[in-house]
């Protein structure tokens, strides 16, 4: 099962989603993240936060979803609140697409301590979402049922 998390810049929310999913989803899930307008490097606060999570920030970078044209995700989860109006590449149309709208922790405040707290809250929320995803009987559900259940996770 391949899961692609997307957001516009792939610098915070989708990176956090990728990190949480890689840590907590079963091994048969293959996880990546990307954006429509990637920035290349992660902000310093994200590098620091990933390190605090026990992860190597060098393993994460802001990347274009065009890099994943051969990934063929089964599930595409948009975690950015600005993603809705953007057209996605045709190759993403085959996957189940859902939105887990999350506010960007880095734009909620300019204070680094507040940004870190917001990243922690987003990480906890993503952990809940990912834990729920991991318990779904995906092999016995139709694509529409999976989409419904994944959409309900974010409510």
N, C-alpha and C. Protein backbone atom coordinates (compact mmCIF):
# COMPACT_ATOMS: atom_id res chain seq x y z
N UNK A 1 0.85 -1.17 0.00
CA UNK A 1 0.00 0.00 0.00
C UNK A 1 0.90 1.23 0.00
N UNK A 2 0.76 2.07 -1.01
CA UNK A 2 1.57 3.28 -1.13
C UNK A 2 0.72 4.49 -0.77
N UNK A 3 1.27 5.34 0.11
CA UNK A 3 0.59 6.54 0.57
C UNK A 3 1.47 7.74 0.27
N UNK A 4 0.88 8.75 -0.36
CA UNK A 4 1.59 10.00 -0.65
C UNK A 4 0.86 11.13 0.05
N UNK A 5 1.58 11.84 0.93
CA UNK A 5 1.05 13.01 1.60
C UNK A 5 1.47 14.24 0.80
N UNK A 6 0.52 15.11 0.50
CA UNK A 6 0.86 16.30 -0.28
C UNK A 6 0.41 17.57 0.42
N UNK A 7 1.17 18.62 0.18
CA UNK A 7 0.82 19.99 0.57
C UNK A 7 1.51 20.90 -0.44
N UNK A 8 1.23 22.15 -0.38
CA UNK A 8 1.76 23.06 -1.40
C UNK A 8 3.29 23.08 -1.43
N UNK A 9 3.91 23.38 -0.29
CA UNK A 9 5.37 23.59 -0.28
C UNK A 9 6.16 22.38 0.23
N UNK A 10 5.49 21.40 0.82
CA UNK A 10 6.16 20.21 1.35
C UNK A 10 7.32 20.61 2.28
N UNK A 11 7.01 21.50 3.22
CA UNK A 11 8.03 21.93 4.18
C UNK A 11 7.63 21.70 5.63
N UNK A 12 6.37 21.35 5.89
CA UNK A 12 5.97 21.18 7.28
C UNK A 12 4.94 20.06 7.44
N UNK A 13 3.68 20.33 7.11
CA UNK A 13 2.61 19.36 7.38
C UNK A 13 2.81 18.03 6.68
N UNK A 14 3.11 18.05 5.40
CA UNK A 14 3.29 16.78 4.68
C UNK A 14 4.57 16.08 5.13
N UNK A 15 5.57 16.84 5.51
CA UNK A 15 6.80 16.25 6.05
C UNK A 15 6.50 15.57 7.38
N UNK A 16 5.74 16.26 8.25
CA UNK A 16 5.36 15.65 9.53
C UNK A 16 4.53 14.39 9.30
N UNK A 17 3.60 14.46 8.35
CA UNK A 17 2.77 13.29 8.05
C UNK A 17 3.63 12.12 7.58
N UNK A 18 4.58 12.41 6.70
CA UNK A 18 5.49 11.36 6.23
C UNK A 18 6.27 10.75 7.39
N UNK A 19 6.82 11.61 8.24
CA UNK A 19 7.63 11.13 9.37
C UNK A 19 6.80 10.27 10.33
N UNK A 20 5.61 10.73 10.66
CA UNK A 20 4.74 9.98 11.58
C UNK A 20 4.32 8.65 10.95
N UNK A 21 3.92 8.70 9.68
CA UNK A 21 3.47 7.49 9.00
C UNK A 21 4.60 6.46 8.88
N UNK A 22 5.79 6.91 8.55
CA UNK A 22 6.91 5.98 8.43
C UNK A 22 7.23 5.32 9.78
N UNK A 23 7.02 6.07 10.84
CA UNK A 23 7.33 5.54 12.16
C UNK A 23 6.25 4.58 12.67
N UNK A 24 4.97 4.86 12.36
CA UNK A 24 3.89 4.13 13.01
C UNK A 24 3.05 3.23 12.12
N UNK A 25 3.14 3.37 10.82
CA UNK A 25 2.37 2.46 9.96
C UNK A 25 3.12 1.13 9.83
N UNK A 26 2.39 0.04 9.62
CA UNK A 26 3.04 -1.26 9.40
C UNK A 26 3.97 -1.21 8.18
N UNK A 27 4.87 -2.17 8.13
CA UNK A 27 5.92 -2.19 7.10
C UNK A 27 5.38 -2.32 5.68
N UNK A 28 4.17 -2.86 5.50
CA UNK A 28 3.65 -3.01 4.13
C UNK A 28 3.17 -1.68 3.54
N UNK A 29 3.20 -0.61 4.33
CA UNK A 29 2.89 0.72 3.82
C UNK A 29 4.19 1.37 3.34
N UNK A 30 4.15 1.93 2.15
CA UNK A 30 5.28 2.70 1.61
C UNK A 30 4.81 4.14 1.57
N UNK A 31 5.56 5.02 2.21
CA UNK A 31 5.11 6.38 2.46
C UNK A 31 6.08 7.39 1.86
N UNK A 32 5.52 8.47 1.31
CA UNK A 32 6.32 9.58 0.80
C UNK A 32 5.51 10.86 0.98
N UNK A 33 6.17 11.98 0.77
CA UNK A 33 5.48 13.28 0.78
C UNK A 33 6.04 14.14 -0.33
N UNK A 34 5.21 15.09 -0.78
CA UNK A 34 5.63 15.97 -1.87
C UNK A 34 4.74 17.20 -1.90
N UNK A 35 5.09 18.15 -2.76
CA UNK A 35 4.30 19.37 -2.89
C UNK A 35 4.23 19.85 -4.32
N UNK A 36 3.28 20.73 -4.55
CA UNK A 36 3.11 21.31 -5.89
C UNK A 36 4.12 22.42 -6.15
N UNK A 37 4.57 23.09 -5.08
CA UNK A 37 5.50 24.21 -5.19
C UNK A 37 6.57 24.06 -4.10
N UNK A 38 7.41 23.02 -4.22
CA UNK A 38 8.38 22.74 -3.15
C UNK A 38 9.42 23.84 -3.01
N UNK A 39 9.95 23.93 -1.80
CA UNK A 39 10.94 24.95 -1.50
C UNK A 39 12.37 24.41 -1.47
N UNK A 40 12.54 23.11 -1.64
CA UNK A 40 13.88 22.53 -1.66
C UNK A 40 14.37 22.16 -0.28
N UNK A 41 14.60 23.16 0.55
CA UNK A 41 15.10 22.91 1.90
C UNK A 41 13.99 23.08 2.92
N UNK A 42 14.14 22.39 4.03
CA UNK A 42 13.20 22.55 5.13
C UNK A 42 13.60 23.75 5.97
N UNK A 43 12.62 24.45 6.53
CA UNK A 43 12.95 25.55 7.44
C UNK A 43 13.75 25.03 8.64
N UNK A 44 14.57 25.87 9.19
CA UNK A 44 15.42 25.51 10.33
C UNK A 44 14.60 24.91 11.47
N UNK A 45 13.44 25.49 11.74
CA UNK A 45 12.63 24.98 12.85
C UNK A 45 12.17 23.55 12.59
N UNK A 46 11.91 23.20 11.34
CA UNK A 46 11.51 21.83 11.03
C UNK A 46 12.69 20.88 11.19
N UNK A 47 13.86 21.32 10.81
CA UNK A 47 15.04 20.48 11.00
C UNK A 47 15.27 20.21 12.49
N UNK A 48 15.12 21.26 13.29
CA UNK A 48 15.27 21.12 14.74
C UNK A 48 14.19 20.21 15.31
N UNK A 49 12.96 20.39 14.85
CA UNK A 49 11.85 19.59 15.36
C UNK A 49 12.02 18.12 14.99
N UNK A 50 12.40 17.83 13.76
CA UNK A 50 12.64 16.45 13.35
C UNK A 50 13.75 15.81 14.19
N UNK A 51 14.79 16.57 14.47
CA UNK A 51 15.87 16.07 15.34
C UNK A 51 15.33 15.74 16.72
N UNK A 52 14.48 16.62 17.25
CA UNK A 52 13.88 16.39 18.57
C UNK A 52 13.00 15.14 18.58
N UNK A 53 12.44 14.80 17.42
CA UNK A 53 11.63 13.58 17.29
C UNK A 53 12.51 12.33 17.18
N UNK A 54 13.82 12.53 17.14
CA UNK A 54 14.73 11.40 17.00
C UNK A 54 14.96 11.00 15.56
N UNK A 55 14.64 11.90 14.65
CA UNK A 55 14.79 11.63 13.22
C UNK A 55 15.95 12.43 12.65
N UNK A 56 16.50 11.94 11.56
CA UNK A 56 17.58 12.64 10.88
C UNK A 56 16.97 13.62 9.88
N UNK A 57 17.10 14.93 10.10
CA UNK A 57 16.52 15.90 9.17
C UNK A 57 17.04 15.74 7.74
N UNK A 58 18.23 15.20 7.59
CA UNK A 58 18.79 15.00 6.24
C UNK A 58 17.99 13.98 5.44
N UNK A 59 17.17 13.18 6.12
CA UNK A 59 16.33 12.20 5.43
C UNK A 59 15.07 12.83 4.83
N UNK A 60 14.86 14.11 5.10
CA UNK A 60 13.64 14.79 4.66
C UNK A 60 14.02 16.05 3.90
N UNK A 61 13.31 16.29 2.82
CA UNK A 61 13.51 17.52 2.06
C UNK A 61 12.21 17.87 1.36
N UNK A 62 12.08 19.12 1.01
CA UNK A 62 10.92 19.60 0.27
C UNK A 62 11.09 19.18 -1.19
N UNK A 63 10.14 18.38 -1.69
CA UNK A 63 10.29 17.85 -3.05
C UNK A 63 8.99 17.96 -3.84
N UNK A 64 9.13 17.96 -5.14
CA UNK A 64 7.99 18.08 -6.04
C UNK A 64 7.27 16.76 -6.17
N UNK A 65 5.96 16.85 -6.33
CA UNK A 65 5.20 15.61 -6.56
C UNK A 65 5.54 15.00 -7.91
N UNK A 66 6.15 15.77 -8.80
CA UNK A 66 6.58 15.22 -10.09
C UNK A 66 7.66 14.15 -9.91
N UNK A 67 8.38 14.19 -8.80
CA UNK A 67 9.38 13.16 -8.52
C UNK A 67 8.74 11.80 -8.26
N UNK A 68 7.43 11.78 -8.04
CA UNK A 68 6.75 10.54 -7.67
C UNK A 68 5.83 10.03 -8.77
N UNK A 69 6.09 10.43 -10.00
CA UNK A 69 5.23 10.00 -11.11
C UNK A 69 5.27 8.49 -11.31
N UNK A 70 6.31 7.84 -10.83
CA UNK A 70 6.41 6.37 -10.94
C UNK A 70 6.07 5.67 -9.61
N UNK A 71 5.75 6.43 -8.60
CA UNK A 71 5.42 5.88 -7.28
C UNK A 71 4.04 5.22 -7.29
N UNK A 72 3.11 5.76 -8.08
CA UNK A 72 1.75 5.24 -8.21
C UNK A 72 1.09 5.00 -6.85
N UNK A 73 0.80 6.09 -6.12
CA UNK A 73 0.21 5.92 -4.79
C UNK A 73 -1.20 5.34 -4.85
N UNK A 74 -1.49 4.48 -3.89
CA UNK A 74 -2.84 3.95 -3.73
C UNK A 74 -3.73 4.98 -3.03
N UNK A 75 -3.10 5.74 -2.13
CA UNK A 75 -3.81 6.76 -1.36
C UNK A 75 -3.02 8.06 -1.44
N UNK A 76 -3.70 9.15 -1.75
CA UNK A 76 -3.11 10.48 -1.76
C UNK A 76 -3.85 11.30 -0.73
N UNK A 77 -3.13 11.78 0.28
CA UNK A 77 -3.74 12.54 1.36
C UNK A 77 -3.18 13.95 1.34
N UNK A 78 -4.06 14.90 1.07
CA UNK A 78 -3.69 16.31 1.12
C UNK A 78 -3.80 16.78 2.56
N UNK A 79 -2.72 17.33 3.09
CA UNK A 79 -2.74 17.83 4.47
C UNK A 79 -2.67 19.35 4.53
N UNK A 80 -2.61 19.99 3.37
CA UNK A 80 -2.52 21.44 3.32
C UNK A 80 -3.87 22.08 3.14
N UNK A 81 -4.11 23.14 3.87
CA UNK A 81 -5.40 23.82 3.77
C UNK A 81 -5.52 24.69 2.53
N UNK A 82 -4.45 24.81 1.75
CA UNK A 82 -4.51 25.61 0.52
C UNK A 82 -4.47 24.73 -0.73
N UNK A 83 -4.50 23.44 -0.57
CA UNK A 83 -4.32 22.52 -1.68
C UNK A 83 -5.57 22.39 -2.56
N UNK A 84 -6.74 22.68 -2.02
CA UNK A 84 -8.00 22.36 -2.70
C UNK A 84 -8.10 22.86 -4.13
N UNK A 85 -7.72 24.09 -4.39
CA UNK A 85 -7.93 24.65 -5.71
C UNK A 85 -6.86 24.31 -6.72
N UNK A 86 -5.83 23.62 -6.30
CA UNK A 86 -4.73 23.35 -7.21
C UNK A 86 -4.96 22.08 -8.01
N UNK A 87 -4.69 22.13 -9.30
CA UNK A 87 -4.83 20.91 -10.09
C UNK A 87 -3.71 19.93 -9.75
N UNK A 88 -4.05 18.67 -9.68
CA UNK A 88 -3.05 17.63 -9.43
C UNK A 88 -2.70 16.96 -10.74
N UNK A 89 -1.50 16.43 -10.83
CA UNK A 89 -1.12 15.72 -12.06
C UNK A 89 -2.06 14.55 -12.32
N UNK A 90 -2.24 14.21 -13.58
CA UNK A 90 -3.13 13.11 -13.96
C UNK A 90 -2.74 11.80 -13.29
N UNK A 91 -1.46 11.55 -13.09
CA UNK A 91 -1.04 10.28 -12.51
C UNK A 91 -1.48 10.13 -11.07
N UNK A 92 -1.89 11.22 -10.41
CA UNK A 92 -2.43 11.13 -9.04
C UNK A 92 -3.90 10.74 -9.04
N UNK A 93 -4.55 10.81 -10.18
CA UNK A 93 -5.99 10.57 -10.25
C UNK A 93 -6.36 9.12 -9.96
N UNK A 94 -5.44 8.20 -10.15
CA UNK A 94 -5.74 6.79 -9.93
C UNK A 94 -5.83 6.43 -8.45
N UNK A 95 -5.19 7.19 -7.60
CA UNK A 95 -5.20 6.89 -6.17
C UNK A 95 -6.46 7.43 -5.50
N UNK A 96 -6.76 6.88 -4.34
CA UNK A 96 -7.85 7.38 -3.51
C UNK A 96 -7.38 8.71 -2.95
N UNK A 97 -8.17 9.78 -3.16
CA UNK A 97 -7.75 11.11 -2.71
C UNK A 97 -8.64 11.60 -1.60
N UNK A 98 -8.02 12.02 -0.50
CA UNK A 98 -8.76 12.59 0.63
C UNK A 98 -8.01 13.81 1.15
N UNK A 99 -8.72 14.61 1.92
CA UNK A 99 -8.14 15.81 2.52
C UNK A 99 -8.16 15.70 4.04
N UNK A 100 -7.01 15.90 4.64
CA UNK A 100 -6.91 16.05 6.08
C UNK A 100 -6.41 17.48 6.30
N UNK A 101 -7.30 18.44 6.20
CA UNK A 101 -6.91 19.84 6.32
C UNK A 101 -6.31 20.12 7.69
N UNK A 102 -5.09 20.59 7.68
CA UNK A 102 -4.40 20.94 8.91
C UNK A 102 -3.84 22.35 8.77
N UNK A 103 -3.96 23.16 9.80
CA UNK A 103 -3.33 24.48 9.72
C UNK A 103 -1.81 24.33 9.72
N UNK A 104 -1.15 25.25 9.08
CA UNK A 104 0.31 25.21 9.00
C UNK A 104 0.90 25.70 10.33
N UNK A 105 1.58 24.83 11.08
CA UNK A 105 2.15 25.24 12.36
C UNK A 105 3.14 26.40 12.26
N UNK A 106 3.76 26.55 11.10
CA UNK A 106 4.78 27.58 10.96
C UNK A 106 4.20 28.95 10.64
N UNK A 107 2.92 29.01 10.30
CA UNK A 107 2.31 30.31 9.99
C UNK A 107 1.35 30.77 11.08
N UNK A 108 1.15 29.95 12.11
CA UNK A 108 0.24 30.32 13.19
C UNK A 108 0.84 31.39 14.10
N UNK A 109 2.17 31.45 14.12
CA UNK A 109 2.87 32.40 14.97
C UNK A 109 4.27 32.61 14.41
N UNK A 110 4.86 33.73 14.74
CA UNK A 110 6.25 33.98 14.37
C UNK A 110 7.21 33.58 15.49
N UNK A 111 6.65 33.27 16.66
CA UNK A 111 7.45 32.88 17.82
C UNK A 111 7.89 31.42 17.68
N UNK A 112 9.20 31.15 17.69
CA UNK A 112 9.68 29.78 17.52
C UNK A 112 9.12 28.79 18.55
N UNK A 113 8.95 29.23 19.80
CA UNK A 113 8.39 28.34 20.82
C UNK A 113 6.95 27.98 20.49
N UNK A 114 6.19 28.95 20.01
CA UNK A 114 4.80 28.69 19.62
C UNK A 114 4.74 27.79 18.39
N UNK A 115 5.67 28.00 17.47
CA UNK A 115 5.72 27.14 16.28
C UNK A 115 6.04 25.70 16.68
N UNK A 116 6.95 25.53 17.62
CA UNK A 116 7.29 24.18 18.08
C UNK A 116 6.08 23.52 18.75
N UNK A 117 5.36 24.27 19.57
CA UNK A 117 4.15 23.73 20.21
C UNK A 117 3.12 23.35 19.15
N UNK A 118 2.98 24.18 18.14
CA UNK A 118 2.03 23.89 17.06
C UNK A 118 2.46 22.64 16.29
N UNK A 119 3.76 22.47 16.08
CA UNK A 119 4.26 21.26 15.42
C UNK A 119 3.95 20.03 16.28
N UNK A 120 4.11 20.15 17.59
CA UNK A 120 3.80 19.04 18.49
C UNK A 120 2.32 18.68 18.40
N UNK A 121 1.45 19.69 18.39
CA UNK A 121 0.01 19.43 18.30
C UNK A 121 -0.34 18.78 16.96
N UNK A 122 0.26 19.26 15.90
CA UNK A 122 0.02 18.67 14.58
C UNK A 122 0.51 17.23 14.53
N UNK A 123 1.67 16.98 15.12
CA UNK A 123 2.21 15.63 15.16
C UNK A 123 1.28 14.69 15.92
N UNK A 124 0.75 15.13 17.05
CA UNK A 124 -0.18 14.30 17.82
C UNK A 124 -1.45 14.00 17.02
N UNK A 125 -1.95 15.01 16.33
CA UNK A 125 -3.14 14.81 15.50
C UNK A 125 -2.85 13.83 14.37
N UNK A 126 -1.72 13.99 13.73
CA UNK A 126 -1.33 13.07 12.65
C UNK A 126 -1.12 11.66 13.19
N UNK A 127 -0.56 11.54 14.38
CA UNK A 127 -0.38 10.22 14.99
C UNK A 127 -1.74 9.55 15.17
N UNK A 128 -2.73 10.29 15.64
CA UNK A 128 -4.08 9.74 15.79
C UNK A 128 -4.62 9.29 14.43
N UNK A 129 -4.49 10.14 13.42
CA UNK A 129 -4.97 9.81 12.07
C UNK A 129 -4.27 8.55 11.53
N UNK A 130 -2.96 8.50 11.68
CA UNK A 130 -2.17 7.38 11.16
C UNK A 130 -2.50 6.09 11.92
N UNK A 131 -2.67 6.20 13.24
CA UNK A 131 -3.05 5.01 14.02
C UNK A 131 -4.39 4.47 13.53
N UNK A 132 -5.32 5.36 13.25
CA UNK A 132 -6.63 4.94 12.75
C UNK A 132 -6.48 4.30 11.37
N UNK A 133 -5.69 4.90 10.51
CA UNK A 133 -5.42 4.33 9.18
C UNK A 133 -4.85 2.92 9.30
N UNK A 134 -3.96 2.72 10.25
CA UNK A 134 -3.31 1.41 10.38
C UNK A 134 -4.27 0.31 10.82
N UNK A 135 -5.40 0.69 11.41
CA UNK A 135 -6.37 -0.32 11.87
C UNK A 135 -7.45 -0.63 10.84
N UNK A 136 -7.49 0.11 9.75
CA UNK A 136 -8.52 -0.14 8.74
C UNK A 136 -8.26 -1.46 8.02
N UNK A 137 -9.31 -2.25 7.81
CA UNK A 137 -9.15 -3.50 7.05
C UNK A 137 -9.12 -3.22 5.55
N UNK A 138 -8.09 -2.56 5.10
CA UNK A 138 -8.01 -2.03 3.74
C UNK A 138 -8.23 -3.11 2.68
N UNK A 139 -7.73 -4.30 2.91
CA UNK A 139 -7.86 -5.36 1.90
C UNK A 139 -9.31 -5.80 1.69
N UNK A 140 -10.17 -5.54 2.67
CA UNK A 140 -11.56 -5.98 2.54
C UNK A 140 -12.52 -4.83 2.24
N UNK A 141 -11.98 -3.65 1.97
CA UNK A 141 -12.82 -2.48 1.69
C UNK A 141 -12.70 -2.07 0.23
N UNK A 142 -13.79 -1.53 -0.30
CA UNK A 142 -13.74 -0.96 -1.65
C UNK A 142 -13.02 0.38 -1.60
N UNK A 143 -12.64 0.88 -2.75
CA UNK A 143 -11.97 2.19 -2.81
C UNK A 143 -12.85 3.28 -2.22
N UNK A 144 -14.15 3.23 -2.51
CA UNK A 144 -15.06 4.24 -1.97
C UNK A 144 -15.18 4.14 -0.45
N UNK A 145 -15.19 2.92 0.07
CA UNK A 145 -15.25 2.73 1.53
C UNK A 145 -13.97 3.24 2.20
N UNK A 146 -12.84 2.98 1.56
CA UNK A 146 -11.57 3.48 2.10
C UNK A 146 -11.59 5.00 2.11
N UNK A 147 -12.03 5.59 1.02
CA UNK A 147 -12.08 7.06 0.94
C UNK A 147 -12.98 7.62 2.03
N UNK A 148 -14.13 7.02 2.23
CA UNK A 148 -15.06 7.50 3.26
C UNK A 148 -14.43 7.40 4.64
N UNK A 149 -13.83 6.26 4.94
CA UNK A 149 -13.23 6.07 6.26
C UNK A 149 -12.04 7.00 6.48
N UNK A 150 -11.22 7.20 5.45
CA UNK A 150 -10.09 8.11 5.58
C UNK A 150 -10.56 9.55 5.75
N UNK A 151 -11.63 9.91 5.08
CA UNK A 151 -12.18 11.27 5.22
C UNK A 151 -12.75 11.46 6.62
N UNK A 152 -13.37 10.43 7.17
CA UNK A 152 -13.95 10.52 8.50
C UNK A 152 -12.89 10.67 9.59
N UNK A 153 -11.70 10.16 9.34
CA UNK A 153 -10.61 10.28 10.31
C UNK A 153 -10.37 11.74 10.66
N UNK A 154 -10.45 12.59 9.67
CA UNK A 154 -10.10 14.01 9.85
C UNK A 154 -11.22 14.85 10.44
N UNK A 155 -12.39 14.27 10.64
CA UNK A 155 -13.51 15.05 11.17
C UNK A 155 -13.39 15.28 12.65
